[in-house]
Amino acid sequence: MTIQKRSREQIVERVAQDIKAGSYVNLGIGLPTKVAKYLNPEHEIILHSENGVLGFGALSSSEQADEDLINAGKELISMWGGGSFMHSADSFDIMRGGHLDICILGAFQVAVNGDLANWHSGSVDAVPAVGGAMDLAVGARQVYVCMEHMTKNNQPKIVQELTYLLTGAKCVNRIYTDLCIIELKENQAFVTEMIEGLSFEELQQKTGCILIDATPKTAIVL
């Protein structure tokens, strides 16, 4: 059977399905910001952005863009009724003070113990500093990572130990990739979902740490 990996859009759509109604959520810069357009408005999920915005949503195609309304990734957004703007110090208090239920981040690597690496420096176009990711990693109650399972050079991004610069120690709870979903608990990696057509053995070969098969055995996983 031909393996059809999840696209980047499908990864974030799958993440959105697991966010509980009424949650306060920060979407990190890059791929995670795309989660916003797949959230159900009826669930009243409150989005926070580190540049000082609370209570916003993705800009719909029918809305007229206001160039003054952006998220931390400089993407245009729309404000909900009751949404608010705040000073950067207040925004970071939300991030650091344990007020976020979930933050969703991208990553270069995640270690089996939950260590996160999602910034680098040195190359010409490199991100110059860790930014707010460090605050989010330690401040949110749950940290979800969404990313491709392997690098463009076919190296695993889920590893035994990080080789990239550390963003946060033992902070990642769940990983969503184009191949699977992994729960990290007690220094172990439990596979709870795999794409159709991929065997557990094949997934293990593409992963840099030992995996534990926790997928349902009575139904085909998507």
N, C-alpha and C. Protein backbone atom coordinates (compact mmCIF):
# COMPACT_ATOMS: atom_id res chain seq x y z
N MET A 1 0.83 -1.19 0.00
CA MET A 1 0.00 0.00 0.00
C MET A 1 0.88 1.25 0.00
N THR A 2 0.51 2.21 -0.84
CA THR A 2 1.26 3.46 -0.91
C THR A 2 1.00 4.30 0.34
N ILE A 3 2.07 4.81 0.90
CA ILE A 3 1.94 5.63 2.09
C ILE A 3 1.71 7.08 1.70
N GLN A 4 0.61 7.65 2.14
CA GLN A 4 0.29 9.04 1.87
C GLN A 4 0.49 9.84 3.15
N LYS A 5 1.60 10.55 3.21
CA LYS A 5 1.89 11.34 4.41
C LYS A 5 0.87 12.47 4.56
N ARG A 6 0.66 12.89 5.80
CA ARG A 6 -0.15 14.06 6.03
C ARG A 6 0.56 15.29 5.50
N SER A 7 -0.18 16.16 4.85
CA SER A 7 0.38 17.45 4.44
C SER A 7 0.51 18.34 5.67
N ARG A 8 1.18 19.47 5.52
CA ARG A 8 1.32 20.40 6.64
C ARG A 8 -0.05 20.91 7.09
N GLU A 9 -0.95 21.14 6.13
CA GLU A 9 -2.30 21.56 6.48
C GLU A 9 -3.03 20.47 7.26
N GLN A 10 -2.84 19.23 6.86
CA GLN A 10 -3.51 18.12 7.54
C GLN A 10 -2.95 17.92 8.95
N ILE A 11 -1.67 18.21 9.14
CA ILE A 11 -1.08 18.10 10.48
C ILE A 11 -1.78 19.07 11.43
N VAL A 12 -1.88 20.34 11.03
CA VAL A 12 -2.48 21.34 11.93
C VAL A 12 -3.98 21.12 12.09
N GLU A 13 -4.62 20.62 11.06
CA GLU A 13 -6.05 20.30 11.19
C GLU A 13 -6.26 19.21 12.23
N ARG A 14 -5.34 18.24 12.25
CA ARG A 14 -5.44 17.16 13.24
C ARG A 14 -5.18 17.69 14.65
N VAL A 15 -4.23 18.61 14.78
CA VAL A 15 -3.97 19.22 16.09
C VAL A 15 -5.23 19.92 16.60
N ALA A 16 -5.90 20.67 15.73
CA ALA A 16 -7.08 21.44 16.11
C ALA A 16 -8.18 20.54 16.68
N GLN A 17 -8.27 19.32 16.20
CA GLN A 17 -9.30 18.39 16.65
C GLN A 17 -9.13 18.01 18.13
N ASP A 18 -7.93 18.12 18.64
CA ASP A 18 -7.64 17.68 20.01
C ASP A 18 -7.67 18.81 21.04
N ILE A 19 -8.01 20.01 20.63
CA ILE A 19 -8.05 21.13 21.56
C ILE A 19 -9.46 21.24 22.14
N LYS A 20 -9.55 21.14 23.45
CA LYS A 20 -10.85 21.12 24.12
C LYS A 20 -11.51 22.50 24.10
N ALA A 21 -12.82 22.48 24.08
CA ALA A 21 -13.59 23.72 24.11
C ALA A 21 -13.24 24.53 25.35
N GLY A 22 -13.16 25.84 25.16
CA GLY A 22 -12.88 26.74 26.27
C GLY A 22 -11.42 26.87 26.65
N SER A 23 -10.53 26.22 25.91
CA SER A 23 -9.10 26.27 26.23
C SER A 23 -8.50 27.62 25.87
N TYR A 24 -7.48 28.00 26.63
CA TYR A 24 -6.65 29.16 26.31
C TYR A 24 -5.38 28.64 25.66
N VAL A 25 -5.12 29.09 24.42
CA VAL A 25 -4.09 28.46 23.60
C VAL A 25 -3.20 29.51 22.94
N ASN A 26 -1.89 29.28 22.97
CA ASN A 26 -0.95 30.10 22.22
C ASN A 26 -0.46 29.30 21.01
N LEU A 27 -0.48 29.93 19.85
CA LEU A 27 0.00 29.30 18.63
C LEU A 27 1.35 29.90 18.26
N GLY A 28 2.39 29.08 18.25
CA GLY A 28 3.73 29.56 17.94
C GLY A 28 3.87 30.00 16.51
N ILE A 29 4.94 30.74 16.23
CA ILE A 29 5.21 31.27 14.90
C ILE A 29 5.48 30.12 13.92
N GLY A 30 5.01 30.30 12.69
CA GLY A 30 5.24 29.29 11.66
C GLY A 30 4.03 28.39 11.49
N LEU A 31 4.28 27.10 11.33
CA LEU A 31 3.21 26.13 11.09
C LEU A 31 2.10 26.19 12.15
N PRO A 32 2.41 26.32 13.44
CA PRO A 32 1.34 26.31 14.44
C PRO A 32 0.27 27.40 14.25
N THR A 33 0.63 28.54 13.67
CA THR A 33 -0.38 29.59 13.50
C THR A 33 -1.52 29.14 12.60
N LYS A 34 -1.28 28.15 11.73
CA LYS A 34 -2.30 27.66 10.82
C LYS A 34 -3.41 26.89 11.55
N VAL A 35 -3.15 26.49 12.80
CA VAL A 35 -4.18 25.79 13.57
C VAL A 35 -5.43 26.64 13.70
N ALA A 36 -5.26 27.96 13.75
CA ALA A 36 -6.38 28.88 14.01
C ALA A 36 -7.54 28.69 13.05
N LYS A 37 -7.25 28.43 11.79
CA LYS A 37 -8.33 28.37 10.80
C LYS A 37 -9.12 27.06 10.85
N TYR A 38 -8.64 26.10 11.66
CA TYR A 38 -9.35 24.82 11.77
C TYR A 38 -10.08 24.66 13.10
N LEU A 39 -10.07 25.68 13.94
CA LEU A 39 -10.77 25.62 15.21
C LEU A 39 -12.26 25.87 15.01
N ASN A 40 -13.08 25.14 15.75
CA ASN A 40 -14.53 25.31 15.68
C ASN A 40 -14.93 26.54 16.50
N PRO A 41 -15.51 27.57 15.87
CA PRO A 41 -15.90 28.78 16.61
C PRO A 41 -16.84 28.50 17.77
N GLU A 42 -17.65 27.45 17.65
CA GLU A 42 -18.60 27.12 18.72
C GLU A 42 -17.89 26.62 19.98
N HIS A 43 -16.64 26.23 19.86
CA HIS A 43 -15.90 25.73 21.02
C HIS A 43 -15.30 26.86 21.86
N GLU A 44 -15.36 28.08 21.35
CA GLU A 44 -14.88 29.26 22.08
C GLU A 44 -13.47 29.06 22.65
N ILE A 45 -12.57 28.63 21.79
CA ILE A 45 -11.16 28.49 22.17
C ILE A 45 -10.50 29.86 22.08
N ILE A 46 -9.91 30.31 23.18
CA ILE A 46 -9.35 31.65 23.26
C ILE A 46 -7.88 31.62 22.87
N LEU A 47 -7.55 32.30 21.78
CA LEU A 47 -6.18 32.32 21.28
C LEU A 47 -5.42 33.52 21.84
N HIS A 48 -4.17 33.26 22.20
CA HIS A 48 -3.27 34.30 22.70
C HIS A 48 -2.05 34.37 21.80
N SER A 49 -1.56 35.58 21.57
CA SER A 49 -0.33 35.76 20.81
C SER A 49 0.62 36.62 21.62
N GLU A 50 1.91 36.28 21.60
CA GLU A 50 2.84 36.92 22.51
C GLU A 50 3.04 38.41 22.25
N ASN A 51 2.63 38.90 21.08
CA ASN A 51 2.74 40.34 20.83
C ASN A 51 1.63 41.14 21.51
N GLY A 52 0.81 40.46 22.34
CA GLY A 52 -0.15 41.17 23.16
C GLY A 52 -1.57 41.16 22.66
N VAL A 53 -2.01 40.05 22.08
CA VAL A 53 -3.38 39.92 21.57
C VAL A 53 -4.04 38.71 22.25
N LEU A 54 -5.27 38.88 22.69
CA LEU A 54 -6.02 37.80 23.32
C LEU A 54 -7.44 37.80 22.78
N GLY A 55 -7.89 36.64 22.30
CA GLY A 55 -9.24 36.54 21.78
C GLY A 55 -9.35 36.90 20.32
N PHE A 56 -8.66 36.14 19.46
CA PHE A 56 -8.68 36.42 18.02
C PHE A 56 -8.86 35.13 17.24
N GLY A 57 -9.01 35.27 15.95
CA GLY A 57 -9.17 34.11 15.08
C GLY A 57 -8.50 34.34 13.76
N ALA A 58 -8.53 33.30 12.93
CA ALA A 58 -7.97 33.41 11.59
C ALA A 58 -8.82 34.36 10.76
N LEU A 59 -8.18 35.06 9.85
CA LEU A 59 -8.88 35.98 8.95
C LEU A 59 -9.58 35.18 7.87
N SER A 60 -10.90 35.32 7.77
CA SER A 60 -11.64 34.59 6.74
C SER A 60 -11.51 35.31 5.41
N SER A 61 -11.78 34.58 4.34
CA SER A 61 -11.62 35.14 3.00
C SER A 61 -12.61 36.27 2.73
N SER A 62 -13.71 36.30 3.48
CA SER A 62 -14.74 37.32 3.25
C SER A 62 -14.50 38.60 4.05
N GLU A 63 -13.54 38.55 4.98
CA GLU A 63 -13.29 39.71 5.83
C GLU A 63 -12.30 40.67 5.17
N GLN A 64 -12.50 41.94 5.46
CA GLN A 64 -11.56 42.95 4.99
C GLN A 64 -10.42 43.05 6.00
N ALA A 65 -9.20 42.88 5.53
CA ALA A 65 -8.04 42.85 6.42
C ALA A 65 -7.77 44.22 7.02
N ASP A 66 -7.43 44.22 8.30
CA ASP A 66 -6.98 45.43 8.99
C ASP A 66 -5.49 45.22 9.27
N GLU A 67 -4.66 46.00 8.63
CA GLU A 67 -3.22 45.79 8.72
C GLU A 67 -2.65 46.07 10.11
N ASP A 68 -3.46 46.63 10.99
CA ASP A 68 -3.03 46.86 12.37
C ASP A 68 -3.25 45.62 13.25
N LEU A 69 -3.97 44.63 12.73
CA LEU A 69 -4.28 43.42 13.51
C LEU A 69 -3.42 42.27 13.01
N ILE A 70 -2.39 41.92 13.79
CA ILE A 70 -1.49 40.83 13.41
C ILE A 70 -1.16 39.98 14.63
N ASN A 71 -0.73 38.74 14.36
CA ASN A 71 -0.23 37.89 15.44
C ASN A 71 1.29 38.02 15.52
N ALA A 72 1.92 37.21 16.36
CA ALA A 72 3.37 37.31 16.56
C ALA A 72 4.16 36.97 15.31
N GLY A 73 3.55 36.23 14.40
CA GLY A 73 4.21 35.90 13.13
C GLY A 73 3.94 36.90 12.03
N LYS A 74 3.35 38.05 12.40
CA LYS A 74 3.03 39.14 11.47
C LYS A 74 1.98 38.72 10.44
N GLU A 75 1.14 37.76 10.80
CA GLU A 75 0.05 37.35 9.95
C GLU A 75 -1.22 38.10 10.35
N LEU A 76 -2.02 38.46 9.36
CA LEU A 76 -3.26 39.19 9.62
C LEU A 76 -4.26 38.29 10.35
N ILE A 77 -4.98 38.88 11.30
CA ILE A 77 -5.95 38.15 12.10
C ILE A 77 -7.24 38.95 12.19
N SER A 78 -8.27 38.35 12.76
CA SER A 78 -9.51 39.07 13.05
C SER A 78 -9.78 38.95 14.54
N MET A 79 -10.34 40.00 15.12
CA MET A 79 -10.62 40.02 16.56
C MET A 79 -12.03 39.54 16.85
N TRP A 80 -12.17 38.76 17.91
CA TRP A 80 -13.49 38.37 18.39
C TRP A 80 -14.08 39.48 19.24
N GLY A 81 -15.39 39.48 19.41
CA GLY A 81 -16.01 40.38 20.36
C GLY A 81 -15.49 40.09 21.76
N GLY A 82 -15.03 41.11 22.45
CA GLY A 82 -14.44 40.91 23.76
C GLY A 82 -12.95 40.65 23.73
N GLY A 83 -12.36 40.55 22.54
CA GLY A 83 -10.91 40.39 22.42
C GLY A 83 -10.19 41.62 22.95
N SER A 84 -8.91 41.46 23.27
CA SER A 84 -8.20 42.58 23.90
C SER A 84 -6.75 42.66 23.45
N PHE A 85 -6.17 43.83 23.68
CA PHE A 85 -4.76 44.09 23.41
C PHE A 85 -4.11 44.46 24.74
N MET A 86 -2.82 44.17 24.86
CA MET A 86 -2.15 44.41 26.14
C MET A 86 -0.68 44.71 25.93
N HIS A 87 -0.07 45.25 26.98
CA HIS A 87 1.36 45.51 27.01
C HIS A 87 2.12 44.19 26.94
N SER A 88 3.33 44.23 26.39
CA SER A 88 4.14 43.02 26.28
C SER A 88 4.39 42.37 27.64
N ALA A 89 4.56 43.17 28.68
CA ALA A 89 4.79 42.61 30.01
C ALA A 89 3.59 41.79 30.48
N ASP A 90 2.38 42.27 30.21
CA ASP A 90 1.17 41.53 30.59
C ASP A 90 1.04 40.26 29.76
N SER A 91 1.40 40.35 28.47
CA SER A 91 1.34 39.19 27.60
C SER A 91 2.27 38.08 28.08
N PHE A 92 3.48 38.47 28.47
CA PHE A 92 4.44 37.48 28.95
C PHE A 92 4.06 36.96 30.33
N ASP A 93 3.31 37.74 31.09
CA ASP A 93 2.80 37.23 32.37
C ASP A 93 1.81 36.10 32.13
N ILE A 94 1.00 36.22 31.08
CA ILE A 94 0.09 35.13 30.71
C ILE A 94 0.88 33.89 30.33
N MET A 95 1.96 34.08 29.58
CA MET A 95 2.78 32.96 29.11
C MET A 95 3.54 32.28 30.25
N ARG A 96 4.11 33.08 31.13
CA ARG A 96 4.96 32.54 32.19
C ARG A 96 4.20 32.12 33.43
N GLY A 97 3.00 32.65 33.59
CA GLY A 97 2.28 32.48 34.84
C GLY A 97 1.37 31.28 34.91
N GLY A 98 1.45 30.37 33.94
CA GLY A 98 0.62 29.18 33.99
C GLY A 98 -0.83 29.40 33.59
N HIS A 99 -1.10 30.46 32.81
CA HIS A 99 -2.47 30.80 32.43
C HIS A 99 -2.90 30.17 31.10
N LEU A 100 -1.96 29.57 30.38
CA LEU A 100 -2.28 28.93 29.10
C LEU A 100 -2.48 27.43 29.29
N ASP A 101 -3.59 26.93 28.75
CA ASP A 101 -3.82 25.48 28.80
C ASP A 101 -2.87 24.73 27.88
N ILE A 102 -2.65 25.29 26.69
CA ILE A 102 -1.84 24.63 25.67
C ILE A 102 -1.04 25.67 24.91
N CYS A 103 0.20 25.36 24.59
CA CYS A 103 0.91 26.10 23.55
C CYS A 103 1.30 25.09 22.47
N ILE A 104 1.25 25.54 21.24
CA ILE A 104 1.58 24.68 20.09
C ILE A 104 2.78 25.29 19.40
N LEU A 105 3.85 24.52 19.28
CA LEU A 105 5.11 25.02 18.76
C LEU A 105 5.61 24.12 17.63
N GLY A 106 6.46 24.69 16.78
CA GLY A 106 7.22 23.90 15.84
C GLY A 106 8.53 23.46 16.50
N ALA A 107 9.29 22.61 15.82
CA ALA A 107 10.54 22.14 16.42
C ALA A 107 11.51 21.65 15.37
N PHE A 108 12.80 21.78 15.70
CA PHE A 108 13.85 21.11 14.93
C PHE A 108 14.05 19.70 15.46
N GLN A 109 13.95 19.56 16.78
CA GLN A 109 14.10 18.25 17.42
C GLN A 109 13.25 18.21 18.69
N VAL A 110 12.80 17.00 19.02
CA VAL A 110 12.21 16.72 20.32
C VAL A 110 12.84 15.44 20.84
N ALA A 111 13.28 15.43 22.08
CA ALA A 111 13.88 14.24 22.69
C ALA A 111 12.80 13.43 23.41
N VAL A 112 13.08 12.17 23.64
CA VAL A 112 12.11 11.26 24.24
C VAL A 112 11.72 11.70 25.65
N ASN A 113 12.58 12.44 26.32
CA ASN A 113 12.25 12.93 27.67
C ASN A 113 11.47 14.24 27.66
N GLY A 114 11.11 14.72 26.45
CA GLY A 114 10.33 15.94 26.32
C GLY A 114 11.15 17.20 26.10
N ASP A 115 12.47 17.09 26.03
CA ASP A 115 13.30 18.26 25.72
C ASP A 115 12.95 18.80 24.34
N LEU A 116 12.92 20.13 24.22
CA LEU A 116 12.52 20.79 22.98
C LEU A 116 13.65 21.65 22.44
N ALA A 117 13.88 21.56 21.13
CA ALA A 117 14.82 22.45 20.44
C ALA A 117 14.09 23.03 19.23
N ASN A 118 13.85 24.34 19.26
CA ASN A 118 13.16 24.94 18.11
C ASN A 118 13.75 26.29 17.72
N TRP A 119 15.03 26.50 18.02
CA TRP A 119 15.70 27.70 17.52
C TRP A 119 17.16 27.37 17.24
N HIS A 120 17.79 28.22 16.46
CA HIS A 120 19.20 28.02 16.13
C HIS A 120 19.81 29.38 15.80
N SER A 121 21.09 29.43 15.75
CA SER A 121 21.78 30.66 15.35
C SER A 121 23.08 30.28 14.65
N GLY A 122 23.60 31.21 13.88
CA GLY A 122 24.86 30.96 13.20
C GLY A 122 24.81 31.18 11.71
N SER A 123 23.74 30.74 11.04
CA SER A 123 23.65 30.94 9.61
C SER A 123 23.11 32.33 9.31
N VAL A 124 23.24 32.74 8.06
CA VAL A 124 22.90 34.10 7.66
C VAL A 124 21.44 34.43 7.96
N ASP A 125 20.53 33.49 7.67
CA ASP A 125 19.10 33.77 7.84
C ASP A 125 18.55 33.14 9.11
N ALA A 126 19.40 32.87 10.08
CA ALA A 126 18.97 32.19 11.30
C ALA A 126 18.14 33.09 12.19
N VAL A 127 17.25 32.45 12.98
CA VAL A 127 16.54 33.18 14.03
C VAL A 127 17.57 33.67 15.03
N PRO A 128 17.59 34.98 15.36
CA PRO A 128 18.67 35.52 16.18
C PRO A 128 18.61 35.16 17.64
N ALA A 129 17.44 34.76 18.15
CA ALA A 129 17.33 34.46 19.57
C ALA A 129 16.15 33.53 19.81
N VAL A 130 16.09 32.99 21.01
CA VAL A 130 15.04 32.01 21.31
C VAL A 130 13.67 32.64 21.36
N GLY A 131 13.57 33.93 21.66
CA GLY A 131 12.29 34.61 21.68
C GLY A 131 11.38 34.10 22.78
N GLY A 132 10.05 34.13 22.53
CA GLY A 132 9.09 33.74 23.55
C GLY A 132 8.89 32.25 23.68
N ALA A 133 9.50 31.44 22.81
CA ALA A 133 9.30 30.00 22.87
C ALA A 133 9.74 29.41 24.21
N MET A 134 10.81 29.94 24.77
CA MET A 134 11.30 29.45 26.06
C MET A 134 10.26 29.69 27.15
N ASP A 135 9.63 30.85 27.14
CA ASP A 135 8.61 31.18 28.14
C ASP A 135 7.37 30.29 27.97
N LEU A 136 6.99 30.07 26.72
CA LEU A 136 5.84 29.22 26.45
C LEU A 136 6.09 27.78 26.86
N ALA A 137 7.29 27.29 26.58
CA ALA A 137 7.62 25.90 26.85
C ALA A 137 7.51 25.55 28.33
N VAL A 138 7.87 26.50 29.19
CA VAL A 138 7.84 26.23 30.63
C VAL A 138 6.57 26.76 31.30
N GLY A 139 5.82 27.65 30.63
CA GLY A 139 4.68 28.27 31.26
C GLY A 139 3.35 27.61 30.97
N ALA A 140 3.19 27.00 29.80
CA ALA A 140 1.91 26.38 29.43
C ALA A 140 1.73 25.04 30.15
N ARG A 141 0.48 24.70 30.43
CA ARG A 141 0.20 23.44 31.11
C ARG A 141 0.50 22.23 30.21
N GLN A 142 0.28 22.39 28.91
CA GLN A 142 0.55 21.33 27.94
C GLN A 142 1.29 21.94 26.76
N VAL A 143 2.29 21.23 26.24
CA VAL A 143 3.04 21.67 25.07
C VAL A 143 2.87 20.63 23.96
N TYR A 144 2.28 21.07 22.85
CA TYR A 144 2.13 20.23 21.67
C TYR A 144 3.11 20.73 20.60
N VAL A 145 3.75 19.80 19.92
CA VAL A 145 4.66 20.14 18.82
C VAL A 145 4.07 19.60 17.53
N CYS A 146 4.08 20.41 16.47
CA CYS A 146 3.68 19.93 15.14
C CYS A 146 4.84 20.17 14.17
N MET A 147 5.18 19.13 13.41
CA MET A 147 6.35 19.20 12.53
C MET A 147 6.37 17.97 11.62
N GLU A 148 7.22 18.01 10.60
CA GLU A 148 7.48 16.81 9.82
C GLU A 148 8.27 15.82 10.68
N HIS A 149 8.09 14.54 10.40
CA HIS A 149 8.73 13.51 11.22
C HIS A 149 10.25 13.46 11.01
N MET A 150 10.68 13.81 9.79
CA MET A 150 12.10 13.76 9.45
C MET A 150 12.52 15.05 8.77
N THR A 151 13.82 15.31 8.78
CA THR A 151 14.36 16.49 8.11
C THR A 151 14.37 16.29 6.60
N LYS A 152 14.71 17.35 5.87
CA LYS A 152 14.83 17.23 4.41
C LYS A 152 15.94 16.28 4.01
N ASN A 153 16.88 16.03 4.92
CA ASN A 153 17.96 15.07 4.67
C ASN A 153 17.66 13.70 5.24
N ASN A 154 16.37 13.47 5.55
CA ASN A 154 15.91 12.17 6.05
C ASN A 154 16.55 11.76 7.37
N GLN A 155 16.78 12.76 8.22
CA GLN A 155 17.25 12.48 9.57
C GLN A 155 16.08 12.61 10.54
N PRO A 156 15.99 11.75 11.55
CA PRO A 156 14.87 11.83 12.49
C PRO A 156 14.89 13.10 13.32
N LYS A 157 13.71 13.66 13.55
CA LYS A 157 13.58 14.86 14.38
C LYS A 157 13.14 14.51 15.80
N ILE A 158 12.69 13.27 15.98
CA ILE A 158 12.37 12.76 17.31
C ILE A 158 13.51 11.85 17.71
N VAL A 159 14.24 12.23 18.76
CA VAL A 159 15.54 11.63 19.03
C VAL A 159 15.68 11.22 20.51
N GLN A 160 16.75 10.48 20.79
CA GLN A 160 17.04 10.10 22.18
C GLN A 160 17.53 11.30 22.98
N GLU A 161 18.46 12.08 22.40
CA GLU A 161 18.98 13.28 23.03
C GLU A 161 19.12 14.39 21.99
N LEU A 162 18.87 15.62 22.40
CA LEU A 162 18.98 16.74 21.47
C LEU A 162 20.42 16.96 21.02
N THR A 163 20.56 17.38 19.76
CA THR A 163 21.85 17.87 19.27
C THR A 163 21.75 19.35 18.89
N TYR A 164 20.51 19.89 18.93
CA TYR A 164 20.29 21.32 18.71
C TYR A 164 20.23 22.04 20.06
N LEU A 165 20.24 23.36 20.02
CA LEU A 165 20.18 24.17 21.23
C LEU A 165 18.84 23.96 21.95
N LEU A 166 18.91 23.86 23.26
CA LEU A 166 17.73 23.60 24.08
C LEU A 166 16.84 24.84 24.20
N THR A 167 15.55 24.64 23.98
CA THR A 167 14.56 25.68 24.23
C THR A 167 13.92 25.49 25.60
N GLY A 168 13.48 24.27 25.88
CA GLY A 168 12.86 23.95 27.16
C GLY A 168 13.11 22.51 27.52
N ALA A 169 13.35 22.25 28.80
CA ALA A 169 13.67 20.89 29.27
C ALA A 169 12.40 20.16 29.72
N LYS A 170 12.24 18.93 29.23
CA LYS A 170 11.16 18.04 29.66
C LYS A 170 9.80 18.72 29.64
N CYS A 171 9.51 19.38 28.54
CA CYS A 171 8.29 20.19 28.47
C CYS A 171 7.26 19.68 27.46
N VAL A 172 7.67 18.90 26.47
CA VAL A 172 6.76 18.49 25.40
C VAL A 172 5.91 17.31 25.86
N ASN A 173 4.60 17.43 25.66
CA ASN A 173 3.67 16.36 26.03
C ASN A 173 3.22 15.52 24.84
N ARG A 174 3.10 16.16 23.67
CA ARG A 174 2.56 15.44 22.52
C ARG A 174 3.20 15.97 21.24
N ILE A 175 3.42 15.08 20.27
CA ILE A 175 4.01 15.43 18.99
C ILE A 175 3.08 14.99 17.86
N TYR A 176 2.80 15.90 16.95
CA TYR A 176 2.00 15.62 15.75
C TYR A 176 2.93 15.73 14.55
N THR A 177 3.06 14.67 13.77
CA THR A 177 3.90 14.72 12.57
C THR A 177 3.08 14.29 11.35
N ASP A 178 3.75 14.27 10.21
CA ASP A 178 3.10 13.82 8.99
C ASP A 178 2.91 12.31 8.95
N LEU A 179 3.46 11.59 9.95
CA LEU A 179 3.35 10.14 10.00
C LEU A 179 2.54 9.61 11.18
N CYS A 180 2.52 10.36 12.29
CA CYS A 180 1.92 9.79 13.50
C CYS A 180 1.65 10.85 14.56
N ILE A 181 1.08 10.39 15.66
CA ILE A 181 0.97 11.18 16.89
C ILE A 181 1.66 10.40 18.00
N ILE A 182 2.47 11.10 18.78
CA ILE A 182 3.24 10.47 19.85
C ILE A 182 2.97 11.20 21.16
N GLU A 183 2.68 10.43 22.20
CA GLU A 183 2.57 10.96 23.56
C GLU A 183 3.88 10.67 24.29
N LEU A 184 4.43 11.70 24.95
CA LEU A 184 5.65 11.53 25.72
C LEU A 184 5.29 11.48 27.21
N LYS A 185 5.63 10.36 27.85
CA LYS A 185 5.34 10.18 29.27
C LYS A 185 6.46 9.38 29.92
N GLU A 186 6.97 9.89 31.04
CA GLU A 186 7.95 9.17 31.85
C GLU A 186 9.13 8.68 31.00
N ASN A 187 9.65 9.59 30.16
CA ASN A 187 10.81 9.31 29.31
C ASN A 187 10.57 8.19 28.30
N GLN A 188 9.31 8.03 27.90
CA GLN A 188 8.96 7.04 26.89
C GLN A 188 8.07 7.69 25.84
N ALA A 189 8.11 7.13 24.63
CA ALA A 189 7.36 7.67 23.49
C ALA A 189 6.30 6.66 23.06
N PHE A 190 5.03 7.01 23.27
CA PHE A 190 3.92 6.13 22.96
C PHE A 190 3.24 6.58 21.67
N VAL A 191 3.22 5.73 20.67
CA VAL A 191 2.57 6.04 19.40
C VAL A 191 1.08 5.75 19.53
N THR A 192 0.25 6.80 19.42
CA THR A 192 -1.19 6.63 19.58
C THR A 192 -1.95 6.64 18.26
N GLU A 193 -1.31 7.11 17.20
CA GLU A 193 -1.93 7.15 15.89
C GLU A 193 -0.85 7.06 14.82
N MET A 194 -1.14 6.34 13.74
CA MET A 194 -0.25 6.30 12.58
C MET A 194 -1.08 6.48 11.32
N ILE A 195 -0.46 7.01 10.27
CA ILE A 195 -1.16 7.12 8.99
C ILE A 195 -1.36 5.74 8.40
N GLU A 196 -2.40 5.60 7.62
CA GLU A 196 -2.73 4.32 7.01
C GLU A 196 -1.62 3.89 6.04
N GLY A 197 -1.27 2.62 6.09
CA GLY A 197 -0.28 2.07 5.19
C GLY A 197 1.13 2.03 5.75
N LEU A 198 1.34 2.68 6.90
CA LEU A 198 2.65 2.70 7.54
C LEU A 198 2.68 1.67 8.66
N SER A 199 3.67 0.80 8.65
CA SER A 199 3.79 -0.19 9.72
C SER A 199 4.55 0.41 10.90
N PHE A 200 4.36 -0.18 12.07
CA PHE A 200 5.06 0.30 13.24
C PHE A 200 6.57 0.14 13.06
N GLU A 201 6.99 -0.93 12.43
CA GLU A 201 8.42 -1.16 12.19
C GLU A 201 9.01 -0.09 11.29
N GLU A 202 8.27 0.31 10.26
CA GLU A 202 8.74 1.38 9.38
C GLU A 202 8.84 2.70 10.13
N LEU A 203 7.86 2.97 10.99
CA LEU A 203 7.90 4.20 11.78
C LEU A 203 9.10 4.19 12.71
N GLN A 204 9.38 3.07 13.31
CA GLN A 204 10.52 2.98 14.22
C GLN A 204 11.83 3.27 13.50
N GLN A 205 11.95 2.81 12.27
CA GLN A 205 13.16 3.06 11.49
C GLN A 205 13.35 4.54 11.18
N LYS A 206 12.28 5.30 11.18
CA LYS A 206 12.34 6.73 10.86
C LYS A 206 12.45 7.59 12.12
N THR A 207 12.61 6.96 13.27
CA THR A 207 12.60 7.65 14.56
C THR A 207 13.88 7.38 15.32
N GLY A 208 14.41 8.41 16.00
CA GLY A 208 15.70 8.28 16.66
C GLY A 208 15.63 7.88 18.12
N CYS A 209 14.48 7.35 18.56
CA CYS A 209 14.37 6.82 19.92
C CYS A 209 13.44 5.61 19.88
N ILE A 210 13.43 4.84 20.95
CA ILE A 210 12.57 3.66 21.01
C ILE A 210 11.11 4.09 21.14
N LEU A 211 10.24 3.49 20.31
CA LEU A 211 8.82 3.78 20.34
C LEU A 211 8.06 2.63 20.99
N ILE A 212 6.91 2.97 21.58
CA ILE A 212 6.00 1.96 22.14
C ILE A 212 4.68 2.06 21.39
N ASP A 213 4.21 0.95 20.87
CA ASP A 213 2.98 0.93 20.08
C ASP A 213 1.78 0.98 21.02
N ALA A 214 1.08 2.12 21.01
CA ALA A 214 -0.13 2.30 21.82
C ALA A 214 -1.34 2.60 20.95
N THR A 215 -1.28 2.20 19.68
CA THR A 215 -2.39 2.46 18.76
C THR A 215 -3.53 1.48 19.05
N PRO A 216 -4.77 1.91 18.79
CA PRO A 216 -5.91 0.99 18.97
C PRO A 216 -5.76 -0.22 18.05
N LYS A 217 -6.09 -1.38 18.55
CA LYS A 217 -5.92 -2.61 17.76
C LYS A 217 -7.21 -3.07 17.12
N THR A 218 -8.30 -2.35 17.40
CA THR A 218 -9.61 -2.79 16.90
C THR A 218 -10.12 -1.94 15.75
N ALA A 219 -9.33 -0.94 15.34
CA ALA A 219 -9.78 -0.05 14.27
C ALA A 219 -8.57 0.44 13.48
N ILE A 220 -8.81 0.80 12.23
CA ILE A 220 -7.76 1.35 11.40
C ILE A 220 -7.53 2.81 11.80
N VAL A 221 -6.31 3.15 12.10
CA VAL A 221 -6.00 4.54 12.46
C VAL A 221 -5.75 5.36 11.21
N LEU A 222 -6.02 6.63 11.30
CA LEU A 222 -5.89 7.51 10.14
C LEU A 222 -4.59 8.28 10.20
